[in-house]
């Protein structure tokens, strides 16, 4: 029976939190895309459409929790394993992809989400229709969030596959 040191336990705990973070973000993103976005499109022009868009926008805190787990545990894993940051390695590639995701949120995704929310709150509750501007913003938002989900899946695949860099 091998005896694990405190560093080994910390590494295992951080790795567990890292995978939990990915499960939260990828799981929530797939649920949003497969269920909520599909139903938003089906409900176009009805009051339900507005309610579903609000639900879609309200999932932000869940993604923040998942991303927080990934970020904090990733930094911890990098420090514990003395991997370094943004080196030419699988870890560096994952860090670069995650940085791109992290920058997309405050620079592009969150401003669009705030605009959509403002448009929804500006319309009285009795009015069922969602504006064309709101539909246009959603059409810009969906592919960006799809790109984030794909990048997260790629990061997870790199973690499992471990391609070698020369």
C-alpha atoms as a PDB file:
ATOM      1  CA  UNK A   1       0.000   0.000   0.000  1.00  0.00           C
ATOM      2  CA  UNK A   2       1.491   3.312  -1.083  1.00  0.00           C
ATOM      3  CA  UNK A   3       1.512   6.186   1.345  1.00  0.00           C
ATOM      4  CA  UNK A   4       0.324   9.475  -0.166  1.00  0.00           C
ATOM      5  CA  UNK A   5       1.925  12.705   0.936  1.00  0.00           C
ATOM      6  CA  UNK A   6       0.014  15.920   1.671  1.00  0.00           C
ATOM      7  CA  UNK A   7       1.009  17.179  -1.794  1.00  0.00           C
ATOM      8  CA  UNK A   8      -0.498  14.071  -3.400  1.00  0.00           C
ATOM      9  CA  UNK A   9      -3.761  14.598  -1.510  1.00  0.00           C
ATOM     10  CA  UNK A  10      -3.836  18.263  -2.482  1.00  0.00           C
ATOM     11  CA  UNK A  11      -3.143  17.356  -6.106  1.00  0.00           C
ATOM     12  CA  UNK A  12      -6.004  14.819  -6.089  1.00  0.00           C
ATOM     13  CA  UNK A  13      -8.386  17.291  -4.459  1.00  0.00           C
ATOM     14  CA  UNK A  14      -7.518  20.064  -6.913  1.00  0.00           C
ATOM     15  CA  UNK A  15      -7.840  17.683  -9.850  1.00  0.00           C
ATOM     16  CA  UNK A  16     -11.264  16.625  -8.566  1.00  0.00           C
ATOM     17  CA  UNK A  17     -12.369  20.280  -8.281  1.00  0.00           C
ATOM     18  CA  UNK A  18     -10.955  20.917 -11.754  1.00  0.00           C
ATOM     19  CA  UNK A  19     -13.076  18.142 -13.261  1.00  0.00           C
ATOM     20  CA  UNK A  20     -16.137  19.237 -11.275  1.00  0.00           C
ATOM     21  CA  UNK A  21     -15.695  22.723 -12.752  1.00  0.00           C
ATOM     22  CA  UNK A  22     -15.610  21.280 -16.267  1.00  0.00           C
ATOM     23  CA  UNK A  23     -18.638  19.103 -15.543  1.00  0.00           C
ATOM     24  CA  UNK A  24     -20.579  22.153 -14.343  1.00  0.00           C
ATOM     25  CA  UNK A  25     -19.631  24.385 -17.280  1.00  0.00           C
ATOM     26  CA  UNK A  26     -19.956  21.796 -20.038  1.00  0.00           C
ATOM     27  CA  UNK A  27     -23.099  20.258 -18.533  1.00  0.00           C
ATOM     28  CA  UNK A  28     -24.811  23.617 -18.091  1.00  0.00           C
ATOM     29  CA  UNK A  29     -23.772  24.742 -21.571  1.00  0.00           C
ATOM     30  CA  UNK A  30     -25.127  21.603 -23.210  1.00  0.00           C
ATOM     31  CA  UNK A  31     -28.383  21.891 -21.257  1.00  0.00           C
ATOM     32  CA  UNK A  32     -28.693  25.548 -22.277  1.00  0.00           C
ATOM     33  CA  UNK A  33     -27.991  24.802 -25.918  1.00  0.00           C
ATOM     34  CA  UNK A  34     -29.979  21.592 -26.315  1.00  0.00           C
ATOM     35  CA  UNK A  35     -32.994  22.462 -24.193  1.00  0.00           C
ATOM     36  CA  UNK A  36     -33.360  26.183 -23.494  1.00  0.00           C
ATOM     37  CA  UNK A  37     -32.168  27.613 -26.833  1.00  0.00           C
ATOM     38  CA  UNK A  38     -34.278  25.097 -28.753  1.00  0.00           C
ATOM     39  CA  UNK A  39     -37.339  26.092 -26.723  1.00  0.00           C
ATOM     40  CA  UNK A  40     -36.583  29.811 -27.106  1.00  0.00           C
ATOM     41  CA  UNK A  41     -36.718  29.305 -30.865  1.00  0.00           C
ATOM     42  CA  UNK A  42     -39.945  27.286 -30.646  1.00  0.00           C
ATOM     43  CA  UNK A  43     -41.599  29.929 -28.457  1.00  0.00           C
ATOM     44  CA  UNK A  44     -40.671  32.854 -30.736  1.00  0.00           C
ATOM     45  CA  UNK A  45     -43.236  35.635 -30.511  1.00  0.00           C
ATOM     46  CA  UNK A  46     -44.822  34.438 -27.257  1.00  0.00           C
ATOM     47  CA  UNK A  47     -44.491  35.471 -23.629  1.00  0.00           C
ATOM     48  CA  UNK A  48     -42.763  32.137 -23.009  1.00  0.00           C
ATOM     49  CA  UNK A  49     -39.932  33.258 -25.287  1.00  0.00           C
ATOM     50  CA  UNK A  50     -39.155  36.209 -22.987  1.00  0.00           C
ATOM     51  CA  UNK A  51     -39.291  33.989 -19.904  1.00  0.00           C
ATOM     52  CA  UNK A  52     -36.978  31.397 -21.471  1.00  0.00           C
ATOM     53  CA  UNK A  53     -34.503  34.111 -22.511  1.00  0.00           C
ATOM     54  CA  UNK A  54     -34.495  35.360 -18.919  1.00  0.00           C
ATOM     55  CA  UNK A  55     -33.816  31.826 -17.686  1.00  0.00           C
ATOM     56  CA  UNK A  56     -31.050  31.499 -20.284  1.00  0.00           C
ATOM     57  CA  UNK A  57     -29.436  34.717 -19.056  1.00  0.00           C
ATOM     58  CA  UNK A  58     -29.821  33.699 -15.402  1.00  0.00           C
ATOM     59  CA  UNK A  59     -27.468  30.710 -15.777  1.00  0.00           C
ATOM     60  CA  UNK A  60     -24.458  33.053 -15.629  1.00  0.00           C
ATOM     61  CA  UNK A  61     -23.780  32.442 -11.910  1.00  0.00           C
ATOM     62  CA  UNK A  62     -23.668  28.678 -12.495  1.00  0.00           C
ATOM     63  CA  UNK A  63     -21.051  29.158 -15.211  1.00  0.00           C
ATOM     64  CA  UNK A  64     -19.140  31.513 -12.896  1.00  0.00           C
ATOM     65  CA  UNK A  65     -18.970  28.787 -10.235  1.00  0.00           C
ATOM     66  CA  UNK A  66     -17.685  26.231 -12.764  1.00  0.00           C
ATOM     67  CA  UNK A  67     -15.153  28.652 -14.216  1.00  0.00           C
ATOM     68  CA  UNK A  68     -14.066  29.627 -10.705  1.00  0.00           C
ATOM     69  CA  UNK A  69     -13.416  25.961  -9.856  1.00  0.00           C
ATOM     70  CA  UNK A  70     -11.436  25.529 -13.073  1.00  0.00           C
ATOM     71  CA  UNK A  71      -9.422  28.710 -12.567  1.00  0.00           C
ATOM     72  CA  UNK A  72      -8.522  28.264  -8.899  1.00  0.00           C
ATOM     73  CA  UNK A  73      -7.821  24.541  -9.150  1.00  0.00           C
ATOM     74  CA  UNK A  74      -5.859  25.025 -12.389  1.00  0.00           C
ATOM     75  CA  UNK A  75      -3.615  27.633 -10.776  1.00  0.00           C
ATOM     76  CA  UNK A  76      -3.153  25.347  -7.758  1.00  0.00           C
ATOM     77  CA  UNK A  77      -2.323  22.336  -9.937  1.00  0.00           C
ATOM     78  CA  UNK A  78       0.145  24.377 -11.963  1.00  0.00           C
ATOM     79  CA  UNK A  79       1.917  25.586  -8.820  1.00  0.00           C
ATOM     80  CA  UNK A  80       1.932  22.201  -7.054  1.00  0.00           C
ATOM     81  CA  UNK A  81       3.250  20.380 -10.119  1.00  0.00           C
ATOM     82  CA  UNK A  82       5.722  23.154 -10.995  1.00  0.00           C
ATOM     83  CA  UNK A  83       4.370  23.260 -14.555  1.00  0.00           C
ATOM     84  CA  UNK A  84       4.793  26.996 -15.129  1.00  0.00           C
ATOM     85  CA  UNK A  85       2.367  29.268 -16.905  1.00  0.00           C
ATOM     86  CA  UNK A  86       1.855  29.520 -20.692  1.00  0.00           C
ATOM     87  CA  UNK A  87       4.791  27.300 -21.596  1.00  0.00           C
ATOM     88  CA  UNK A  88       4.948  25.227 -24.757  1.00  0.00           C
ATOM     89  CA  UNK A  89       3.252  22.177 -23.287  1.00  0.00           C
ATOM     90  CA  UNK A  90      -0.183  20.643 -22.969  1.00  0.00           C
ATOM     91  CA  UNK A  91      -0.682  22.643 -19.771  1.00  0.00           C
ATOM     92  CA  UNK A  92       0.351  25.834 -21.565  1.00  0.00           C
ATOM     93  CA  UNK A  93      -2.051  25.092 -24.418  1.00  0.00           C
ATOM     94  CA  UNK A  94      -4.916  24.518 -21.983  1.00  0.00           C
ATOM     95  CA  UNK A  95      -4.027  27.717 -20.113  1.00  0.00           C
ATOM     96  CA  UNK A  96      -3.990  29.706 -23.365  1.00  0.00           C
ATOM     97  CA  UNK A  97      -7.382  28.349 -24.447  1.00  0.00           C
ATOM     98  CA  UNK A  98      -8.835  29.044 -21.012  1.00  0.00           C
ATOM     99  CA  UNK A  99      -7.417  32.584 -21.077  1.00  0.00           C
ATOM    100  CA  UNK A 100      -9.147  33.149 -24.436  1.00  0.00           C
ATOM    101  CA  UNK A 101     -12.408  31.918 -22.910  1.00  0.00           C
ATOM    102  CA  UNK A 102     -11.873  34.107 -19.879  1.00  0.00           C
ATOM    103  CA  UNK A 103     -11.333  37.189 -22.028  1.00  0.00           C
ATOM    104  CA  UNK A 104     -14.361  36.507 -24.232  1.00  0.00           C
ATOM    105  CA  UNK A 105     -16.726  36.811 -21.277  1.00  0.00           C
ATOM    106  CA  UNK A 106     -15.993  40.352 -20.062  1.00  0.00           C
ATOM    107  CA  UNK A 107     -15.112  41.714 -23.513  1.00  0.00           C
ATOM    108  CA  UNK A 108     -17.867  40.215 -25.651  1.00  0.00           C
ATOM    109  CA  UNK A 109     -20.352  37.841 -24.005  1.00  0.00           C
ATOM    110  CA  UNK A 110     -21.319  39.760 -20.845  1.00  0.00           C
ATOM    111  CA  UNK A 111     -21.940  43.061 -22.694  1.00  0.00           C
ATOM    112  CA  UNK A 112     -24.295  41.269 -25.094  1.00  0.00           C
ATOM    113  CA  UNK A 113     -26.076  39.579 -22.195  1.00  0.00           C
ATOM    114  CA  UNK A 114     -26.505  42.944 -20.449  1.00  0.00           C
ATOM    115  CA  UNK A 115     -27.920  44.488 -23.657  1.00  0.00           C
ATOM    116  CA  UNK A 116     -30.414  41.643 -24.020  1.00  0.00           C
ATOM    117  CA  UNK A 117     -31.429  41.978 -20.376  1.00  0.00           C
ATOM    118  CA  UNK A 118     -31.942  45.751 -20.783  1.00  0.00           C
ATOM    119  CA  UNK A 119     -34.105  45.150 -23.839  1.00  0.00           C
ATOM    120  CA  UNK A 120     -36.217  42.595 -21.974  1.00  0.00           C
ATOM    121  CA  UNK A 121     -36.712  44.815 -18.921  1.00  0.00           C
ATOM    122  CA  UNK A 122     -37.578  47.860 -21.079  1.00  0.00           C
ATOM    123  CA  UNK A 123     -40.641  46.096 -22.514  1.00  0.00           C
ATOM    124  CA  UNK A 124     -43.739  45.959 -20.283  1.00  0.00           C
ATOM    125  CA  UNK A 125     -44.648  42.473 -19.042  1.00  0.00           C
ATOM    126  CA  UNK A 126     -47.940  42.536 -20.928  1.00  0.00           C
ATOM    127  CA  UNK A 127     -46.104  42.798 -24.254  1.00  0.00           C
ATOM    128  CA  UNK A 128     -45.262  39.276 -25.401  1.00  0.00           C
ATOM    129  CA  UNK A 129     -42.988  40.110 -28.296  1.00  0.00           C
ATOM    130  CA  UNK A 130     -39.217  40.239 -28.160  1.00  0.00           C
ATOM    131  CA  UNK A 131     -37.638  42.904 -30.339  1.00  0.00           C
ATOM    132  CA  UNK A 132     -35.733  42.195 -33.530  1.00  0.00           C
ATOM    133  CA  UNK A 133     -32.701  43.783 -31.864  1.00  0.00           C
ATOM    134  CA  UNK A 134     -32.944  41.209 -29.067  1.00  0.00           C
ATOM    135  CA  UNK A 135     -33.162  38.381 -31.628  1.00  0.00           C
ATOM    136  CA  UNK A 136     -30.121  39.826 -33.404  1.00  0.00           C
ATOM    137  CA  UNK A 137     -28.132  39.941 -30.158  1.00  0.00           C
ATOM    138  CA  UNK A 138     -29.121  36.359 -29.348  1.00  0.00           C
ATOM    139  CA  UNK A 139     -27.983  35.313 -32.835  1.00  0.00           C
ATOM    140  CA  UNK A 140     -24.553  36.826 -32.046  1.00  0.00           C
ATOM    141  CA  UNK A 141     -24.442  35.300 -28.563  1.00  0.00           C
ATOM    142  CA  UNK A 142     -25.271  31.665 -29.384  1.00  0.00           C
ATOM    143  CA  UNK A 143     -22.206  30.979 -31.598  1.00  0.00           C
ATOM    144  CA  UNK A 144     -19.866  32.625 -29.091  1.00  0.00           C
ATOM    145  CA  UNK A 145     -21.171  30.437 -26.276  1.00  0.00           C
ATOM    146  CA  UNK A 146     -20.938  27.414 -28.575  1.00  0.00           C
ATOM    147  CA  UNK A 147     -17.275  28.315 -29.190  1.00  0.00           C
ATOM    148  CA  UNK A 148     -16.690  28.481 -25.422  1.00  0.00           C
ATOM    149  CA  UNK A 149     -18.280  25.042 -24.970  1.00  0.00           C
ATOM    150  CA  UNK A 150     -16.189  23.566 -27.789  1.00  0.00           C
ATOM    151  CA  UNK A 151     -13.020  25.121 -26.331  1.00  0.00           C
ATOM    152  CA  UNK A 152     -13.845  23.596 -22.929  1.00  0.00           C
ATOM    153  CA  UNK A 153     -14.356  20.188 -24.530  1.00  0.00           C
ATOM    154  CA  UNK A 154     -11.025  20.577 -26.374  1.00  0.00           C
ATOM    155  CA  UNK A 155      -9.299  21.503 -23.102  1.00  0.00           C
ATOM    156  CA  UNK A 156     -10.775  18.425 -21.452  1.00  0.00           C
ATOM    157  CA  UNK A 157      -9.709  16.242 -24.401  1.00  0.00           C
ATOM    158  CA  UNK A 158      -6.157  17.628 -24.178  1.00  0.00           C
ATOM    159  CA  UNK A 159      -6.128  16.814 -20.450  1.00  0.00           C
ATOM    160  CA  UNK A 160      -7.078  13.205 -21.177  1.00  0.00           C
ATOM    161  CA  UNK A 161      -5.077  12.738 -24.385  1.00  0.00           C
ATOM    162  CA  UNK A 162      -1.818  14.545 -23.368  1.00  0.00           C
ATOM    163  CA  UNK A 163      -0.388  15.361 -26.821  1.00  0.00           C
ATOM    164  CA  UNK A 164       3.379  15.807 -26.816  1.00  0.00           C
ATOM    165  CA  UNK A 165       5.013  19.086 -27.828  1.00  0.00           C
ATOM    166  CA  UNK A 166       8.461  19.067 -29.352  1.00  0.00           C
END
